[in-house]
N, C-alpha and C. Protein backbone atom coordinates (compact mmCIF):
# COMPACT_ATOMS: atom_id res chain seq x y z
N MET A 1 92.60 102.87 107.81
CA MET A 1 93.65 102.08 108.35
C MET A 1 93.05 100.97 109.26
N ILE A 2 93.52 99.80 109.08
CA ILE A 2 93.18 98.65 109.94
C ILE A 2 94.23 98.53 111.02
N ARG A 3 93.79 98.49 112.27
CA ARG A 3 94.74 98.28 113.38
C ARG A 3 94.39 96.93 114.05
N ILE A 4 95.43 96.21 114.34
CA ILE A 4 95.28 94.99 115.12
C ILE A 4 95.92 95.27 116.50
N LEU A 5 95.05 95.20 117.51
CA LEU A 5 95.55 95.45 118.87
C LEU A 5 95.74 94.09 119.56
N PHE A 6 96.99 93.78 119.86
CA PHE A 6 97.43 92.45 120.23
C PHE A 6 97.88 92.43 121.68
N ALA A 7 97.26 91.61 122.54
CA ALA A 7 97.59 91.59 123.95
C ALA A 7 99.02 91.13 124.23
N GLY A 8 99.63 90.44 123.33
CA GLY A 8 100.98 89.88 123.59
C GLY A 8 102.06 90.64 122.81
N ARG A 9 103.15 89.95 122.67
CA ARG A 9 104.28 90.45 121.86
C ARG A 9 104.70 89.31 120.93
N SER A 10 105.09 89.69 119.73
CA SER A 10 105.45 88.69 118.74
C SER A 10 106.89 88.19 118.97
N LYS A 11 107.06 87.28 119.92
CA LYS A 11 108.36 86.75 120.27
C LYS A 11 108.70 85.41 119.58
N ALA A 12 107.68 84.59 119.44
CA ALA A 12 107.93 83.22 118.95
C ALA A 12 108.50 83.23 117.52
N PRO A 13 109.51 82.46 117.26
CA PRO A 13 110.15 82.46 115.93
C PRO A 13 109.14 82.20 114.77
N PHE A 14 108.18 81.29 114.99
CA PHE A 14 107.23 81.00 113.94
C PHE A 14 106.37 82.23 113.66
N LEU A 15 106.05 82.98 114.70
CA LEU A 15 105.23 84.16 114.53
C LEU A 15 106.01 85.27 113.82
N LYS A 16 107.24 85.52 114.22
CA LYS A 16 108.05 86.50 113.54
C LYS A 16 108.22 86.19 112.08
N GLU A 17 108.46 84.92 111.74
CA GLU A 17 108.62 84.52 110.36
C GLU A 17 107.33 84.66 109.56
N GLY A 18 106.22 84.23 110.12
CA GLY A 18 104.92 84.37 109.47
C GLY A 18 104.54 85.83 109.26
N LEU A 19 104.67 86.65 110.30
CA LEU A 19 104.39 88.06 110.15
C LEU A 19 105.30 88.73 109.15
N GLY A 20 106.54 88.25 109.09
CA GLY A 20 107.51 88.77 108.11
C GLY A 20 107.04 88.50 106.70
N GLN A 21 106.27 87.47 106.49
CA GLN A 21 105.72 87.15 105.16
C GLN A 21 104.57 88.09 104.77
N PHE A 22 103.73 88.43 105.72
CA PHE A 22 102.50 89.12 105.40
C PHE A 22 102.55 90.66 105.67
N LEU A 23 103.15 91.07 106.76
CA LEU A 23 103.10 92.49 107.11
C LEU A 23 103.70 93.41 106.02
N PRO A 24 104.84 93.01 105.41
CA PRO A 24 105.35 93.91 104.31
C PRO A 24 104.33 93.99 103.14
N ARG A 25 103.64 92.95 102.82
CA ARG A 25 102.66 92.93 101.79
C ARG A 25 101.44 93.86 102.12
N LEU A 26 101.15 93.91 103.46
CA LEU A 26 99.97 94.67 103.91
C LEU A 26 100.26 96.19 104.05
N ARG A 27 101.47 96.60 103.97
CA ARG A 27 101.76 98.04 104.11
C ARG A 27 100.96 98.90 103.16
N ARG A 28 100.79 98.40 101.94
CA ARG A 28 100.05 99.21 100.98
C ARG A 28 98.55 99.30 101.34
N TYR A 29 98.09 98.38 102.17
CA TYR A 29 96.70 98.42 102.58
C TYR A 29 96.52 99.07 103.98
N HIS A 30 97.61 99.64 104.49
CA HIS A 30 97.57 100.40 105.71
C HIS A 30 97.09 99.57 106.88
N VAL A 31 97.83 98.51 107.18
CA VAL A 31 97.52 97.64 108.33
C VAL A 31 98.63 97.83 109.30
N GLU A 32 98.28 97.94 110.61
CA GLU A 32 99.25 98.16 111.68
C GLU A 32 98.96 97.19 112.79
N VAL A 33 100.01 96.59 113.36
CA VAL A 33 99.90 95.72 114.53
C VAL A 33 100.46 96.49 115.70
N ILE A 34 99.66 96.66 116.74
CA ILE A 34 100.08 97.33 117.92
C ILE A 34 100.13 96.31 119.06
N GLU A 35 101.34 96.10 119.58
CA GLU A 35 101.53 95.05 120.59
C GLU A 35 101.53 95.69 121.97
N ASN A 36 101.08 94.92 122.94
CA ASN A 36 101.06 95.32 124.39
C ASN A 36 102.50 95.32 124.91
N PRO A 37 103.00 96.43 125.39
CA PRO A 37 104.34 96.41 125.97
C PRO A 37 104.48 95.66 127.28
N HIS A 38 103.33 95.37 127.91
CA HIS A 38 103.34 94.68 129.23
C HIS A 38 102.34 93.50 129.18
N PRO A 39 102.65 92.46 128.32
CA PRO A 39 101.68 91.35 128.24
C PRO A 39 101.68 90.51 129.50
N GLY A 40 100.52 89.83 129.67
CA GLY A 40 100.41 88.83 130.72
C GLY A 40 99.83 89.28 131.99
N VAL A 41 99.71 90.56 132.19
CA VAL A 41 99.11 91.14 133.46
C VAL A 41 97.72 91.65 133.09
N ALA A 42 96.70 91.02 133.66
CA ALA A 42 95.33 91.37 133.28
C ALA A 42 95.00 92.80 133.37
N ARG A 43 95.40 93.44 134.48
CA ARG A 43 95.14 94.87 134.68
C ARG A 43 95.76 95.70 133.59
N ASP A 44 97.02 95.35 133.20
CA ASP A 44 97.70 96.10 132.13
C ASP A 44 97.13 95.82 130.76
N GLU A 45 96.62 94.60 130.53
CA GLU A 45 95.96 94.28 129.24
C GLU A 45 94.71 95.13 129.07
N GLU A 46 93.88 95.22 130.10
CA GLU A 46 92.68 96.01 130.01
C GLU A 46 93.01 97.48 129.72
N ALA A 47 94.02 98.04 130.45
CA ALA A 47 94.40 99.40 130.22
C ALA A 47 94.95 99.61 128.84
N PHE A 48 95.71 98.70 128.32
CA PHE A 48 96.27 98.71 127.00
C PHE A 48 95.18 98.89 125.97
N PHE A 49 94.17 98.08 126.05
CA PHE A 49 93.06 98.10 125.05
C PHE A 49 92.25 99.37 125.26
N LEU A 50 91.84 99.70 126.43
CA LEU A 50 90.92 100.83 126.67
C LEU A 50 91.60 102.13 126.26
N LYS A 51 92.91 102.25 126.43
CA LYS A 51 93.65 103.42 126.04
C LYS A 51 93.60 103.62 124.52
N LEU A 52 93.64 102.53 123.80
CA LEU A 52 93.73 102.61 122.31
C LEU A 52 92.41 102.71 121.60
N LEU A 53 91.26 102.32 122.29
CA LEU A 53 89.98 102.43 121.65
C LEU A 53 89.58 103.89 121.60
N GLN A 54 89.35 104.36 120.37
CA GLN A 54 89.09 105.80 120.11
C GLN A 54 87.77 106.02 119.39
N PRO A 55 87.17 107.12 119.64
CA PRO A 55 85.94 107.50 118.86
C PRO A 55 86.35 107.55 117.40
N GLY A 56 85.38 107.22 116.56
CA GLY A 56 85.66 107.21 115.10
C GLY A 56 86.26 105.94 114.57
N ARG A 57 86.56 104.98 115.47
CA ARG A 57 87.07 103.70 115.11
C ARG A 57 86.07 102.63 115.55
N THR A 58 86.03 101.52 114.91
CA THR A 58 85.11 100.42 115.23
C THR A 58 85.91 99.24 115.77
N ALA A 59 85.66 98.89 117.01
CA ALA A 59 86.35 97.79 117.69
C ALA A 59 85.63 96.47 117.40
N LEU A 60 86.40 95.51 116.90
CA LEU A 60 85.91 94.16 116.62
C LEU A 60 86.74 93.17 117.43
N ALA A 61 86.09 92.48 118.34
CA ALA A 61 86.79 91.53 119.22
C ALA A 61 86.88 90.18 118.58
N LEU A 62 88.05 89.59 118.61
CA LEU A 62 88.23 88.19 118.29
C LEU A 62 87.86 87.40 119.54
N ASP A 63 86.87 86.60 119.42
CA ASP A 63 86.33 85.88 120.55
C ASP A 63 85.80 84.53 120.06
N PRO A 64 86.10 83.43 120.77
CA PRO A 64 85.64 82.14 120.28
C PRO A 64 84.13 82.00 120.27
N ARG A 65 83.37 82.88 120.99
CA ARG A 65 81.94 82.89 120.97
C ARG A 65 81.37 83.85 119.92
N GLY A 66 82.25 84.46 119.16
CA GLY A 66 81.79 85.41 118.14
C GLY A 66 81.26 84.73 116.92
N ARG A 67 80.80 85.48 115.94
CA ARG A 67 80.22 84.93 114.74
C ARG A 67 81.32 84.51 113.79
N SER A 68 81.11 83.49 113.02
CA SER A 68 82.06 82.96 112.09
C SER A 68 81.74 83.48 110.69
N LEU A 69 82.78 83.91 109.97
CA LEU A 69 82.60 84.42 108.61
C LEU A 69 83.55 83.65 107.71
N ASP A 70 83.13 83.47 106.44
CA ASP A 70 84.10 82.95 105.47
C ASP A 70 84.98 84.10 105.01
N SER A 71 86.00 83.79 104.26
CA SER A 71 86.97 84.82 103.84
C SER A 71 86.32 85.93 103.04
N PRO A 72 85.50 85.70 102.03
CA PRO A 72 84.87 86.80 101.33
C PRO A 72 83.99 87.68 102.22
N SER A 73 83.25 87.04 103.12
CA SER A 73 82.38 87.84 104.04
C SER A 73 83.22 88.67 105.01
N PHE A 74 84.37 88.10 105.45
CA PHE A 74 85.27 88.92 106.28
C PHE A 74 85.77 90.12 105.53
N GLY A 75 86.14 89.91 104.28
CA GLY A 75 86.59 91.03 103.44
C GLY A 75 85.53 92.09 103.30
N GLN A 76 84.27 91.67 103.08
CA GLN A 76 83.19 92.64 102.94
C GLN A 76 82.96 93.38 104.26
N LEU A 77 83.17 92.72 105.39
CA LEU A 77 83.01 93.40 106.69
C LEU A 77 84.09 94.46 106.84
N LEU A 78 85.36 94.10 106.51
CA LEU A 78 86.43 95.07 106.60
C LEU A 78 86.16 96.31 105.67
N GLU A 79 85.66 96.04 104.48
CA GLU A 79 85.38 97.12 103.53
C GLU A 79 84.30 98.06 104.08
N ALA A 80 83.32 97.47 104.76
CA ALA A 80 82.14 98.22 105.22
C ALA A 80 82.38 98.91 106.58
N THR A 81 83.48 98.55 107.24
CA THR A 81 83.70 99.04 108.60
C THR A 81 84.71 100.22 108.52
N ARG A 82 84.31 101.35 109.11
CA ARG A 82 85.13 102.49 109.12
C ARG A 82 86.22 102.34 110.20
N ASN A 83 87.49 102.41 109.79
CA ASN A 83 88.60 102.35 110.73
C ASN A 83 88.50 101.21 111.73
N PRO A 84 88.57 100.00 111.25
CA PRO A 84 88.43 98.88 112.12
C PRO A 84 89.64 98.64 113.02
N ASP A 85 89.38 98.35 114.28
CA ASP A 85 90.40 97.84 115.23
C ASP A 85 90.00 96.39 115.56
N LEU A 86 90.90 95.44 115.26
CA LEU A 86 90.67 94.05 115.58
C LEU A 86 91.45 93.71 116.80
N LEU A 87 90.75 93.25 117.85
CA LEU A 87 91.37 93.06 119.17
C LEU A 87 91.59 91.55 119.44
N ILE A 88 92.82 91.23 119.79
CA ILE A 88 93.18 89.86 120.17
C ILE A 88 93.63 89.87 121.64
N GLY A 89 92.86 89.19 122.50
CA GLY A 89 93.21 89.10 123.90
C GLY A 89 94.32 88.07 124.18
N GLY A 90 94.71 88.03 125.44
CA GLY A 90 95.77 87.09 125.87
C GLY A 90 95.15 85.73 126.16
N ALA A 91 95.82 85.00 126.96
CA ALA A 91 95.44 83.61 127.27
C ALA A 91 94.05 83.49 127.89
N ASP A 92 93.60 84.54 128.58
CA ASP A 92 92.27 84.52 129.22
C ASP A 92 91.23 85.30 128.38
N GLY A 93 91.55 85.63 127.13
CA GLY A 93 90.65 86.34 126.31
C GLY A 93 90.67 87.81 126.60
N LEU A 94 89.70 88.56 126.08
CA LEU A 94 89.61 90.00 126.27
C LEU A 94 88.83 90.25 127.60
N PRO A 95 89.24 91.26 128.36
CA PRO A 95 88.58 91.64 129.62
C PRO A 95 87.15 92.06 129.31
N PRO A 96 86.21 91.84 130.23
CA PRO A 96 84.81 92.16 130.02
C PRO A 96 84.60 93.67 129.71
N ALA A 97 85.41 94.58 130.35
CA ALA A 97 85.28 95.99 130.04
C ALA A 97 85.63 96.34 128.64
N VAL A 98 86.53 95.54 128.07
CA VAL A 98 86.97 95.77 126.66
C VAL A 98 85.91 95.21 125.70
N LEU A 99 85.44 93.98 126.04
CA LEU A 99 84.37 93.40 125.21
C LEU A 99 83.15 94.28 125.13
N ALA A 100 82.85 94.96 126.24
CA ALA A 100 81.68 95.84 126.25
C ALA A 100 81.83 97.01 125.30
N ARG A 101 83.04 97.40 124.94
CA ARG A 101 83.27 98.54 124.08
C ARG A 101 83.39 98.11 122.57
N CYS A 102 83.25 96.78 122.33
CA CYS A 102 83.39 96.28 120.96
C CYS A 102 82.06 96.28 120.23
N GLY A 103 82.02 96.66 118.99
CA GLY A 103 80.79 96.64 118.19
C GLY A 103 80.40 95.31 117.70
N ASP A 104 81.32 94.36 117.64
CA ASP A 104 80.98 93.03 117.15
C ASP A 104 82.05 92.06 117.68
N ARG A 105 81.73 90.81 117.68
CA ARG A 105 82.66 89.71 118.07
C ARG A 105 82.76 88.75 116.91
N LEU A 106 83.97 88.40 116.54
CA LEU A 106 84.25 87.51 115.46
C LEU A 106 85.09 86.32 115.95
N SER A 107 84.78 85.18 115.41
CA SER A 107 85.54 83.94 115.73
C SER A 107 86.36 83.48 114.47
N LEU A 108 87.59 83.20 114.72
CA LEU A 108 88.43 82.69 113.60
C LEU A 108 88.15 81.23 113.34
N SER A 109 87.63 80.50 114.37
CA SER A 109 87.37 79.06 114.22
C SER A 109 86.63 78.60 115.45
N ALA A 110 86.01 77.46 115.35
CA ALA A 110 85.41 76.81 116.53
C ALA A 110 86.52 76.24 117.42
N MET A 111 87.68 76.10 116.85
CA MET A 111 88.84 75.61 117.68
C MET A 111 89.47 76.78 118.43
N THR A 112 90.19 76.45 119.47
CA THR A 112 90.87 77.47 120.26
C THR A 112 92.34 77.58 119.78
N PHE A 113 92.77 78.81 119.52
CA PHE A 113 94.17 79.08 119.08
C PHE A 113 94.89 79.85 120.20
N SER A 114 96.16 79.71 120.28
CA SER A 114 96.92 80.64 121.12
C SER A 114 96.77 82.04 120.49
N HIS A 115 97.03 83.06 121.34
CA HIS A 115 96.82 84.40 120.83
C HIS A 115 97.86 84.69 119.73
N GLU A 116 99.05 84.06 119.82
CA GLU A 116 100.08 84.27 118.77
C GLU A 116 99.62 83.65 117.43
N LEU A 117 99.05 82.46 117.48
CA LEU A 117 98.64 81.86 116.26
C LEU A 117 97.39 82.58 115.71
N ALA A 118 96.50 83.09 116.59
CA ALA A 118 95.36 83.86 116.17
C ALA A 118 95.83 85.13 115.42
N LEU A 119 96.92 85.80 115.87
CA LEU A 119 97.45 86.95 115.22
C LEU A 119 97.89 86.62 113.81
N LEU A 120 98.59 85.49 113.65
CA LEU A 120 99.07 85.05 112.33
C LEU A 120 97.93 84.77 111.41
N VAL A 121 96.93 84.00 111.86
CA VAL A 121 95.78 83.70 111.06
C VAL A 121 95.03 84.93 110.67
N LEU A 122 94.86 85.86 111.58
CA LEU A 122 94.17 87.10 111.28
C LEU A 122 94.89 87.96 110.20
N VAL A 123 96.19 88.06 110.37
CA VAL A 123 97.01 88.82 109.38
C VAL A 123 96.88 88.21 108.01
N GLU A 124 96.91 86.86 107.94
CA GLU A 124 96.75 86.23 106.63
C GLU A 124 95.37 86.47 106.09
N GLN A 125 94.34 86.45 106.90
CA GLN A 125 92.94 86.64 106.44
C GLN A 125 92.77 88.11 106.00
N ILE A 126 93.38 89.04 106.64
CA ILE A 126 93.33 90.44 106.20
C ILE A 126 93.96 90.57 104.86
N TYR A 127 95.11 89.90 104.69
CA TYR A 127 95.81 89.96 103.36
C TYR A 127 94.90 89.31 102.30
N ARG A 128 94.28 88.19 102.62
CA ARG A 128 93.37 87.56 101.68
C ARG A 128 92.21 88.43 101.35
N ALA A 129 91.63 89.11 102.34
CA ALA A 129 90.53 89.99 102.09
C ALA A 129 90.92 91.16 101.16
N GLU A 130 92.06 91.75 101.44
CA GLU A 130 92.55 92.87 100.64
C GLU A 130 92.83 92.42 99.18
N THR A 131 93.39 91.26 99.04
CA THR A 131 93.65 90.79 97.65
C THR A 131 92.33 90.41 96.91
N LEU A 132 91.37 89.95 97.59
CA LEU A 132 90.06 89.65 97.05
C LEU A 132 89.46 90.96 96.53
N ALA A 133 89.56 92.01 97.30
CA ALA A 133 88.95 93.35 96.96
C ALA A 133 89.62 93.96 95.75
N THR A 134 90.90 93.60 95.53
CA THR A 134 91.62 94.24 94.42
C THR A 134 91.74 93.28 93.22
N GLY A 135 91.19 92.09 93.38
CA GLY A 135 91.22 91.16 92.18
C GLY A 135 92.55 90.46 92.04
N HIS A 136 93.40 90.50 93.01
CA HIS A 136 94.67 89.77 93.04
C HIS A 136 94.44 88.29 93.11
N PRO A 137 95.23 87.46 92.43
CA PRO A 137 94.92 86.02 92.35
C PRO A 137 95.30 85.22 93.63
N TYR A 138 95.71 85.88 94.73
CA TYR A 138 96.06 85.08 95.89
C TYR A 138 94.97 84.15 96.38
N HIS A 139 93.72 84.65 96.39
CA HIS A 139 92.59 83.84 96.79
C HIS A 139 91.99 83.11 95.56
N ARG A 140 92.16 81.82 95.51
CA ARG A 140 91.70 81.09 94.32
C ARG A 140 90.59 80.06 94.66
N ALA A 141 89.87 80.29 95.69
CA ALA A 141 88.79 79.37 96.05
C ALA A 141 87.62 79.41 95.14
């Protein structure tokens, strides 16, 4: 199971609509988005992430300073990673204590995205990776 640990809550209409396109498609691939019930408070964000990081799962931080992957390489990483947790921090990024617990840091782009847009891009890339692995024609690059 792939878990996305998201510092915020999906309130924005564009985010709800975009997630509504991809999350139903991802159910068969066992993808879950876990939102922070108390977004915006740094102390609560750190506690939210640290509480959910569990032994037997691999935490991957989304961080602008992380390594960049193309879509096929991202898919290969997901396939090779046992029980990945993909972490998206809030406006100030992930707290240092959370970053220290992550096995790798990944960047979605050299550009900076809001955490809401990062969630939508990540969900689409997970869908793309899963369809690549199954030979589905969604990815036609």
